[in-house]
Amino acid sequence: MLKQIEGSQAVAEAVALCRPQVVCAYPITPQTHIVEGIGAMVKAGTLENCEFINVESEFAALSVAIGASAVGARAYTATASQGLLYMAEAVYNAAGLGLPIVMTIGNRAIGSPINIWNDHSDSMAMKDAGWIQLHAETNQEAADLHIQAFKLAESLSCPVMVCMDGFILTHAYEQVDIPTQEQVDSFLPPFEPVQQLDPANPYSIGAMVGPDAFAEVRYLAHHKQMEALERIPPIAEEFREIFGREAGGLVRSYRTEDAETIVVALGSVNGTIKEVVDAQRDAGVKIGSVSICSFRPFPLAALNEALKGAKRIVCLEKSLAPGLGGMLASNVRMALRSHPLPVYTVIAGLGGRVITRKSLSELFERAGRDSLEDVTFLDLNWEVVQDQIARARELRHSGPIAENLLKALNPGLVERVSPPQETNP
């Protein structure tokens, strides 16, 4: 059924159609509307046989989901930003225990300074925790990926994060096709847990493991991720056959035939990238793009094939690894190790910074001339950056960085107070 609906509510309805048995909820922007929507359905009785549990923290939310999954319940939760970091220990535990929990990440920047807007800092911080990570480009795909995520998680007994850009998707109203219960039931079978705690047949999970077996346990977690590379494409194909539309998979190429420049990115920014690619194609520029849906496991072989024939790659990243540059670009270079190409890292959209078509058009033109640096910061205000660098060099008590930048950017709103003059002791 087509609905004009908020992205968060579309996800809530998709999750409800998957018949979760335990939903753990703790509010943190921008995922709160998702669990609120599910809670309203439980209270109204439209989502039956589901225990909705309000907990006291994000750590508790995932901990309760771990307990529910361990006893054989289909479990779901959602979080974002600092909430994901707060549950970090439980994130690793869920993967280590091999529990098929599905969790939405409403992608949001991580402080300090405090910032509630979108980038990918949060999920990137947990990229190596052992969870499958799927990134949605649109609200339709966000809803569809949750239905696929439950099937993928339960077929492998491995937790799955579905990442959707905070506010850009979670709070945007657009048309989404919400499937019927019959469609979802035909795609997603009842949950049959691989492991299940049972008082009648007691055993331990999560026991102490020493050096004699720990490496093997970790290898098997890696093996499970590699197995996911084989399972994701057929699950996406089965979804297409039942629901009549494409969603998920490993990577999706756009106008890459004969492309000399290919732009690689995660999430909703791919929509803007495609618009710029169309405009440049109309102008005769040989450019295309590749959207990565499965960031973990990383589709090395599929991406290698998708980038074949290009002369250069531009990785547009909404996160920053200080001291390195881009995490996506590092993975892309691994995919290209058999035929190395120039891979340019472009850091963009941090803390919700708008990524405009104009800026992307200029960026891609520079890329086509191979005039980009290895790491480029899109639309960075170099004047205030250099001012702060000089300030820190000149003054021992240079003050807090974030507040200094705000004062420099908004001199009419906040009076810039000079720090105390340095004096020799």
Protein backbone atom coordinates (compact mmCIF):
# COMPACT_ATOMS: atom_id res chain seq x y z
CA MET A 1 0.00 0.00 0.00
CA LEU A 2 1.38 3.42 -0.99
CA LYS A 3 1.52 5.88 1.89
CA GLN A 4 2.83 9.40 2.33
CA ILE A 5 4.67 8.65 5.52
CA GLU A 6 7.61 9.65 7.69
CA GLY A 7 10.66 7.45 7.21
CA SER A 8 10.71 6.44 10.88
CA GLN A 9 7.06 5.40 10.77
CA ALA A 10 7.64 3.42 7.57
CA VAL A 11 10.41 1.50 9.33
CA ALA A 12 8.19 0.98 12.38
CA GLU A 13 5.47 -0.51 10.20
CA ALA A 14 7.96 -2.71 8.33
CA VAL A 15 9.42 -4.02 11.59
CA ALA A 16 5.93 -4.72 12.94
CA LEU A 17 5.14 -6.77 9.81
CA CYS A 18 8.14 -8.96 10.69
CA ARG A 19 6.31 -10.04 13.86
CA PRO A 20 8.95 -9.15 16.48
CA GLN A 21 8.37 -10.76 19.87
CA VAL A 22 10.48 -8.38 21.97
CA VAL A 23 11.17 -4.71 21.21
CA CYS A 24 13.46 -2.79 23.55
CA ALA A 25 13.17 1.00 23.54
CA TYR A 26 15.22 3.91 24.83
CA PRO A 27 14.86 7.34 23.22
CA ILE A 28 17.71 9.09 21.47
CA THR A 29 17.34 11.44 18.50
CA PRO A 30 16.84 10.71 15.61
CA GLN A 31 15.61 7.12 16.02
CA THR A 32 12.99 7.78 18.70
CA HIS A 33 10.00 7.97 16.33
CA ILE A 34 10.68 4.38 15.21
CA VAL A 35 10.31 2.76 18.62
CA GLU A 36 7.51 5.20 19.53
CA GLY A 37 5.63 4.00 16.46
CA ILE A 38 6.10 0.35 17.37
CA GLY A 39 5.09 1.07 20.97
CA ALA A 40 1.87 2.69 19.78
CA MET A 41 1.06 -0.39 17.70
CA VAL A 42 1.68 -2.70 20.66
CA LYS A 43 -0.52 -0.55 22.91
CA ALA A 44 -3.31 -0.42 20.32
CA GLY A 45 -3.17 -4.17 19.85
CA THR A 46 -2.39 -4.02 16.14
CA LEU A 47 1.00 -5.64 16.84
CA GLU A 48 0.20 -8.80 18.75
CA ASN A 49 2.40 -11.20 20.71
CA CYS A 50 5.09 -8.56 21.17
CA GLU A 51 6.52 -7.42 24.48
CA PHE A 52 7.49 -3.75 24.31
CA ILE A 53 10.05 -2.99 27.02
CA ASN A 54 11.00 0.53 28.08
CA VAL A 55 14.50 0.41 29.54
CA GLU A 56 16.70 2.87 31.40
CA SER A 57 19.55 3.23 28.88
CA GLU A 58 20.84 2.25 25.47
CA PHE A 59 23.11 -0.32 27.09
CA ALA A 60 20.05 -1.86 28.71
CA ALA A 61 18.14 -1.81 25.43
CA LEU A 62 20.61 -4.06 23.67
CA SER A 63 21.26 -6.12 26.79
CA VAL A 64 17.55 -6.94 27.04
CA ALA A 65 17.50 -7.74 23.33
CA ILE A 66 20.43 -10.11 23.89
CA GLY A 67 18.56 -11.88 26.67
CA ALA A 68 15.38 -12.09 24.59
CA SER A 69 17.21 -13.45 21.56
CA ALA A 70 19.09 -15.98 23.68
CA VAL A 71 15.84 -17.55 24.84
CA GLY A 72 14.51 -17.75 21.30
CA ALA A 73 12.56 -14.53 20.71
CA ARG A 74 12.72 -12.41 17.56
CA ALA A 75 14.28 -9.24 19.02
CA TYR A 76 14.60 -5.68 17.75
CA THR A 77 15.87 -2.34 18.99
CA ALA A 78 17.12 0.99 17.61
CA THR A 79 19.63 3.64 18.58
CA ALA A 80 21.92 6.39 17.28
CA SER A 81 25.14 8.26 17.94
CA GLN A 82 26.28 8.28 21.58
CA GLY A 83 23.61 5.69 22.29
CA LEU A 84 25.42 3.21 20.05
CA LEU A 85 28.69 3.97 21.81
CA TYR A 86 27.08 3.57 25.22
CA MET A 87 25.99 0.04 24.28
CA ALA A 88 29.38 -0.78 22.68
CA GLU A 89 30.15 -3.66 25.05
CA ALA A 90 26.77 -5.21 24.32
CA VAL A 91 27.23 -4.61 20.56
CA TYR A 92 30.34 -6.78 20.62
CA ASN A 93 28.66 -9.32 22.90
CA ALA A 94 25.65 -9.74 20.61
CA ALA A 95 27.92 -10.51 17.66
CA GLY A 96 30.21 -12.76 19.69
CA LEU A 97 27.23 -14.75 20.90
CA GLY A 98 25.88 -15.08 17.35
CA LEU A 99 22.44 -13.70 18.17
CA PRO A 100 20.22 -12.63 15.24
CA ILE A 101 19.12 -9.24 16.60
CA VAL A 102 18.08 -6.51 14.17
CA MET A 103 18.87 -2.92 15.15
CA THR A 104 18.20 0.33 13.33
CA ILE A 105 20.88 3.01 13.45
CA GLY A 106 19.54 6.51 12.80
CA ASN A 107 22.96 7.74 11.73
CA ARG A 108 24.08 10.81 13.64
CA ALA A 109 27.36 12.55 14.44
CA ILE A 110 29.34 11.75 17.58
CA GLY A 111 30.61 14.53 19.85
CA SER A 112 32.43 16.34 21.09
CA PRO A 113 31.25 19.01 20.33
CA ILE A 114 27.60 18.03 20.67
CA ASN A 115 25.90 17.62 17.32
CA ILE A 116 22.59 15.90 16.63
CA TRP A 117 22.71 16.02 12.83
CA ASN A 118 23.60 13.33 10.35
CA ASP A 119 26.85 11.74 9.44
CA HIS A 120 28.15 8.16 9.66
CA SER A 121 30.49 8.49 12.64
CA ASP A 122 28.38 6.24 14.87
CA SER A 123 28.03 3.12 12.73
CA MET A 124 31.62 3.49 11.51
CA ALA A 125 32.77 3.33 15.14
CA MET A 126 31.16 -0.14 15.34
CA LYS A 127 32.10 -1.33 11.85
CA ASP A 128 34.34 -4.10 13.16
CA ALA A 129 32.12 -5.34 15.99
CA GLY A 130 30.91 -8.33 13.98
CA TRP A 131 27.48 -7.02 12.93
CA ILE A 132 26.34 -7.01 9.34
CA GLN A 133 25.84 -3.36 8.30
CA LEU A 134 23.35 -2.45 5.58
CA HIS A 135 22.98 1.18 4.41
CA ALA A 136 19.70 2.53 3.00
CA GLU A 137 19.62 5.09 0.21
CA THR A 138 15.91 5.96 0.48
CA ASN A 139 13.05 5.52 2.94
CA GLN A 140 11.60 2.82 0.71
CA GLU A 141 14.86 0.93 0.90
CA ALA A 142 15.10 1.51 4.65
CA ALA A 143 11.73 -0.19 5.14
CA ASP A 144 12.60 -3.00 2.74
CA LEU A 145 16.01 -3.63 4.26
CA HIS A 146 14.51 -4.32 7.68
CA ILE A 147 12.41 -7.12 6.22
CA GLN A 148 15.51 -8.55 4.55
CA ALA A 149 17.57 -8.00 7.71
CA PHE A 150 15.48 -10.34 9.83
CA LYS A 151 15.77 -13.09 7.22
CA LEU A 152 19.52 -12.55 6.85
CA ALA A 153 20.15 -12.38 10.59
CA GLU A 154 18.17 -15.52 11.33
CA SER A 155 19.59 -17.55 8.43
CA LEU A 156 23.13 -16.88 9.69
CA SER A 157 22.45 -16.38 13.42
CA CYS A 158 24.26 -13.05 13.20
CA PRO A 159 23.10 -9.55 14.22
CA VAL A 160 22.31 -6.93 11.58
CA MET A 161 22.37 -3.12 11.71
CA VAL A 162 20.22 -1.26 9.21
CA CYS A 163 21.71 2.22 8.88
CA MET A 164 19.52 5.10 7.69
CA ASP A 165 20.60 8.74 7.64
CA GLY A 166 19.24 10.65 10.60
CA PHE A 167 16.70 13.39 9.77
CA ILE A 168 17.48 13.16 6.04
CA LEU A 169 15.58 9.87 6.00
CA THR A 170 14.19 9.30 9.50
CA HIS A 171 12.18 12.54 9.57
CA ALA A 172 11.47 12.97 5.87
CA TYR A 173 7.93 12.42 4.58
CA GLU A 174 7.71 10.72 1.22
CA GLN A 175 5.80 8.01 -0.58
CA VAL A 176 6.62 4.51 0.64
CA ASP A 177 5.03 1.24 -0.46
CA ILE A 178 4.23 -0.63 2.75
CA PRO A 179 3.83 -4.35 2.00
CA THR A 180 1.02 -6.55 3.22
CA GLN A 181 1.34 -8.99 6.10
CA GLU A 182 0.81 -11.84 3.65
CA GLN A 183 3.77 -10.70 1.52
CA VAL A 184 6.08 -10.47 4.51
CA ASP A 185 4.94 -13.84 5.88
CA SER A 186 5.66 -15.47 2.53
CA PHE A 187 9.17 -14.02 2.59
CA LEU A 188 10.10 -14.28 6.28
CA PRO A 189 9.48 -17.65 7.95
CA PRO A 190 8.80 -18.01 11.69
CA PHE A 191 11.94 -17.67 13.80
CA GLU A 192 13.74 -20.93 14.51
CA PRO A 193 16.75 -20.10 16.68
CA VAL A 194 20.04 -21.90 16.18
CA GLN A 195 20.75 -21.68 19.90
CA GLN A 196 18.15 -21.30 22.61
CA LEU A 197 18.49 -21.27 26.38
CA ASP A 198 16.11 -23.79 27.90
CA PRO A 199 15.88 -24.80 31.58
CA ALA A 200 15.06 -28.34 30.47
CA ASN A 201 18.34 -28.55 28.56
CA PRO A 202 20.73 -26.20 30.37
CA TYR A 203 24.00 -24.97 28.88
CA SER A 204 26.07 -21.77 28.94
CA ILE A 205 26.60 -19.17 26.26
CA GLY A 206 29.25 -16.48 26.45
CA ALA A 207 31.54 -18.56 28.68
CA MET A 208 35.19 -17.76 29.30
CA VAL A 209 37.42 -18.79 26.39
CA GLY A 210 41.20 -18.79 26.69
CA PRO A 211 43.99 -18.59 24.11
CA ASP A 212 43.44 -22.21 23.11
CA ALA A 213 40.12 -21.42 21.36
CA PHE A 214 39.60 -17.64 21.17
CA ALA A 215 41.24 -17.20 17.75
CA GLU A 216 39.08 -19.98 16.32
CA VAL A 217 35.93 -18.40 17.74
CA ARG A 218 36.84 -15.08 16.17
CA TYR A 219 37.67 -16.75 12.86
CA LEU A 220 34.23 -18.35 12.78
CA ALA A 221 32.67 -14.90 13.25
CA HIS A 222 34.69 -13.78 10.22
CA HIS A 223 33.56 -16.88 8.33
CA LYS A 224 29.94 -15.99 9.07
CA GLN A 225 30.45 -12.54 7.56
CA MET A 226 31.99 -14.09 4.45
CA GLU A 227 28.98 -16.40 4.23
CA ALA A 228 26.75 -13.31 4.35
CA LEU A 229 28.35 -12.15 1.09
CA GLU A 230 26.88 -15.24 -0.55
CA ARG A 231 23.45 -14.92 1.09
CA ILE A 232 22.72 -11.21 0.63
CA PRO A 233 22.26 -11.29 -3.19
CA PRO A 234 19.77 -14.22 -3.28
CA ILE A 235 17.79 -12.72 -0.39
CA ALA A 236 17.58 -9.44 -2.33
CA GLU A 237 16.51 -11.34 -5.46
CA GLU A 238 13.82 -13.27 -3.57
CA PHE A 239 12.60 -9.98 -2.15
CA ARG A 240 12.36 -8.52 -5.68
CA GLU A 241 10.33 -11.50 -6.89
CA ILE A 242 7.82 -11.29 -4.03
CA PHE A 243 7.54 -7.51 -3.57
CA GLY A 244 8.17 -6.38 -7.15
CA ARG A 245 10.99 -3.93 -6.48
CA GLU A 246 14.71 -3.94 -5.92
CA ALA A 247 16.29 -3.24 -2.55
CA GLY A 248 19.47 -4.24 -0.82
CA GLY A 249 22.09 -6.45 -2.39
CA LEU A 250 25.80 -5.74 -2.15
CA VAL A 251 26.40 -2.80 -4.54
CA ARG A 252 24.39 -0.95 -7.16
CA SER A 253 25.95 0.72 -10.17
CA TYR A 254 24.56 3.82 -11.87
CA ARG A 255 25.65 4.86 -15.37
CA THR A 256 29.07 3.25 -14.95
CA GLU A 257 29.22 1.97 -18.51
CA ASP A 258 32.34 3.53 -20.10
CA ALA A 259 32.74 5.75 -16.99
CA GLU A 260 36.22 7.12 -16.42
CA THR A 261 35.32 8.58 -13.01
CA ILE A 262 33.21 6.55 -10.57
CA VAL A 263 31.91 7.97 -7.30
CA VAL A 264 31.43 5.54 -4.40
CA ALA A 265 29.28 6.39 -1.37
CA LEU A 266 26.95 5.09 1.33
CA GLY A 267 23.39 6.12 2.13
CA SER A 268 21.10 8.92 1.05
CA VAL A 269 23.78 11.13 -0.52
CA ASN A 270 23.71 8.76 -3.49
CA GLY A 271 20.50 10.45 -4.61
CA THR A 272 22.26 13.81 -4.95
CA ILE A 273 25.26 12.15 -6.55
CA LYS A 274 23.04 10.59 -9.22
CA GLU A 275 21.52 13.97 -10.07
CA VAL A 276 24.99 15.43 -10.60
CA VAL A 277 26.07 12.39 -12.60
CA ASP A 278 23.03 12.87 -14.88
CA ALA A 279 23.88 16.54 -15.42
CA GLN A 280 27.51 15.78 -16.21
CA ARG A 281 26.57 12.89 -18.51
CA ASP A 282 24.34 15.33 -20.42
CA ALA A 283 27.42 17.51 -20.79
CA GLY A 284 29.42 14.62 -22.21
CA VAL A 285 31.40 13.72 -19.08
CA LYS A 286 32.09 10.00 -18.61
CA ILE A 287 31.09 9.61 -14.98
CA GLY A 288 29.04 7.15 -12.95
CA SER A 289 28.44 6.11 -9.35
CA VAL A 290 28.28 3.03 -7.16
CA SER A 291 26.15 2.83 -4.04
CA ILE A 292 27.34 0.34 -1.42
CA CYS A 293 24.51 -1.25 0.53
CA SER A 294 26.52 -3.88 2.41
CA PHE A 295 29.36 -2.13 4.20
CA ARG A 296 29.90 -5.12 6.49
CA PRO A 297 30.68 -7.59 5.14
CA PHE A 298 32.55 -5.48 2.63
CA PRO A 299 31.89 -6.69 -0.95
CA LEU A 300 35.46 -6.72 -2.25
CA ALA A 301 34.83 -8.88 -5.32
CA ALA A 302 31.52 -7.23 -6.28
CA LEU A 303 33.03 -3.76 -5.95
CA ASN A 304 36.10 -4.77 -7.93
CA GLU A 305 33.79 -5.83 -10.77
CA ALA A 306 31.66 -2.67 -10.48
CA LEU A 307 34.69 -0.39 -10.75
CA LYS A 308 36.29 -2.22 -13.66
CA GLY A 309 37.33 0.08 -16.49
CA ALA A 310 37.41 3.31 -14.47
CA LYS A 311 40.43 5.60 -14.47
CA ARG A 312 39.83 7.05 -11.00
CA ILE A 313 37.59 6.56 -7.97
CA VAL A 314 36.11 9.25 -5.73
CA CYS A 315 35.00 8.00 -2.30
CA LEU A 316 32.52 10.45 -0.78
CA GLU A 317 32.50 9.78 2.97
CA LYS A 318 30.29 11.17 5.74
CA SER A 319 32.81 10.26 8.43
CA LEU A 320 36.42 11.00 9.24
CA ALA A 321 39.18 8.81 10.64
CA PRO A 322 41.49 11.47 12.15
CA GLY A 323 45.07 10.83 11.15
CA LEU A 324 44.03 8.67 8.18
CA GLY A 325 41.19 10.28 6.24
CA GLY A 326 38.53 7.92 4.97
CA MET A 327 37.53 4.46 6.14
CA LEU A 328 35.45 3.74 3.05
CA ALA A 329 38.36 4.66 0.78
CA SER A 330 40.67 2.29 2.66
CA ASN A 331 38.24 -0.55 1.98
CA VAL A 332 37.82 0.46 -1.66
CA ARG A 333 41.59 0.35 -2.15
CA MET A 334 41.55 -3.24 -0.90
CA ALA A 335 38.94 -4.06 -3.52
CA LEU A 336 41.22 -2.61 -6.20
CA ARG A 337 44.44 -4.29 -5.14
CA SER A 338 44.51 -6.42 -8.31
CA HIS A 339 44.42 -3.31 -10.55
CA PRO A 340 45.32 -0.21 -8.50
CA LEU A 341 43.65 3.07 -9.45
CA PRO A 342 43.80 6.57 -7.96
CA VAL A 343 41.31 6.59 -5.07
CA TYR A 344 40.46 10.06 -3.82
CA THR A 345 38.94 10.47 -0.37
CA VAL A 346 36.39 13.28 -0.02
CA ILE A 347 35.15 14.04 3.50
CA ALA A 348 31.73 15.66 3.29
CA GLY A 349 28.55 16.22 5.25
CA LEU A 350 30.09 15.97 8.72
CA GLY A 351 27.68 17.00 11.45
CA GLY A 352 24.90 17.52 8.91
CA ARG A 353 26.79 19.91 6.61
CA VAL A 354 24.72 20.23 3.44
CA ILE A 355 26.18 18.52 0.38
CA THR A 356 25.04 20.58 -2.60
CA ARG A 357 24.87 19.67 -6.26
CA LYS A 358 26.99 22.72 -7.05
CA SER A 359 29.78 21.60 -4.72
CA LEU A 360 29.64 18.03 -6.06
CA SER A 361 29.69 19.23 -9.65
CA GLU A 362 32.82 21.29 -9.04
CA LEU A 363 34.38 18.42 -7.11
CA PHE A 364 33.77 15.87 -9.86
CA GLU A 365 35.16 18.24 -12.49
CA ARG A 366 38.36 18.55 -10.46
CA ALA A 367 38.47 14.78 -10.07
CA GLY A 368 38.23 14.38 -13.83
CA ARG A 369 41.38 16.49 -14.13
CA ASP A 370 43.08 14.46 -11.36
CA SER A 371 43.55 17.68 -9.41
CA LEU A 372 42.17 16.42 -6.10
CA GLU A 373 44.37 15.79 -3.10
CA ASP A 374 44.45 12.31 -1.59
CA VAL A 375 42.12 13.61 1.13
CA THR A 376 39.79 16.52 0.28
CA PHE A 377 37.43 18.25 2.72
CA LEU A 378 34.38 19.43 0.82
CA ASP A 379 33.32 23.04 1.54
CA LEU A 380 35.63 23.36 4.56
CA ASN A 381 35.98 26.92 5.82
CA TRP A 382 39.75 27.16 5.65
CA GLU A 383 39.79 30.74 6.95
CA VAL A 384 38.41 29.87 10.38
CA VAL A 385 40.49 26.69 10.50
CA GLN A 386 43.73 28.54 9.84
CA ASP A 387 42.73 31.23 12.31
CA GLN A 388 42.27 28.63 15.04
CA ILE A 389 45.56 26.91 14.18
CA ALA A 390 47.39 30.23 14.44
CA ARG A 391 45.56 31.05 17.68
CA ALA A 392 46.59 27.72 19.24
CA ARG A 393 50.22 28.28 18.23
CA GLU A 394 50.38 31.79 19.59
CA LEU A 395 48.49 31.46 22.84
CA ARG A 396 48.93 28.84 25.54
CA HIS A 397 45.39 29.53 26.81
CA SER A 398 43.79 29.54 23.39
CA GLY A 399 40.38 28.41 24.66
CA PRO A 400 37.95 25.74 23.49
CA ILE A 401 38.10 25.01 19.78
CA ALA A 402 34.38 24.67 19.10
CA GLU A 403 33.45 27.90 20.87
CA ASN A 404 36.24 29.79 19.10
CA LEU A 405 35.00 28.64 15.70
CA LEU A 406 31.42 29.61 16.52
CA LYS A 407 32.57 33.07 17.58
CA ALA A 408 34.57 33.45 14.37
CA LEU A 409 31.63 32.36 12.21
CA ASN A 410 29.01 34.41 14.08
CA PRO A 411 30.72 37.64 15.21
CA GLY A 412 27.42 39.47 15.28
CA LEU A 413 25.74 36.92 17.52
CA VAL A 414 28.45 36.20 20.04
CA GLU A 415 30.95 38.78 21.16
CA ARG A 416 34.42 37.45 20.60
CA VAL A 417 36.25 37.66 23.88
CA SER A 418 40.03 37.81 23.65
CA PRO A 419 41.86 35.37 25.88
CA PRO A 420 44.04 36.73 28.67
CA GLN A 421 47.40 37.98 27.55
CA GLU A 422 50.27 35.59 28.09
CA THR A 423 52.71 36.66 30.77
CA ASN A 424 56.08 35.26 31.64
CA PRO A 425 56.23 33.61 35.07
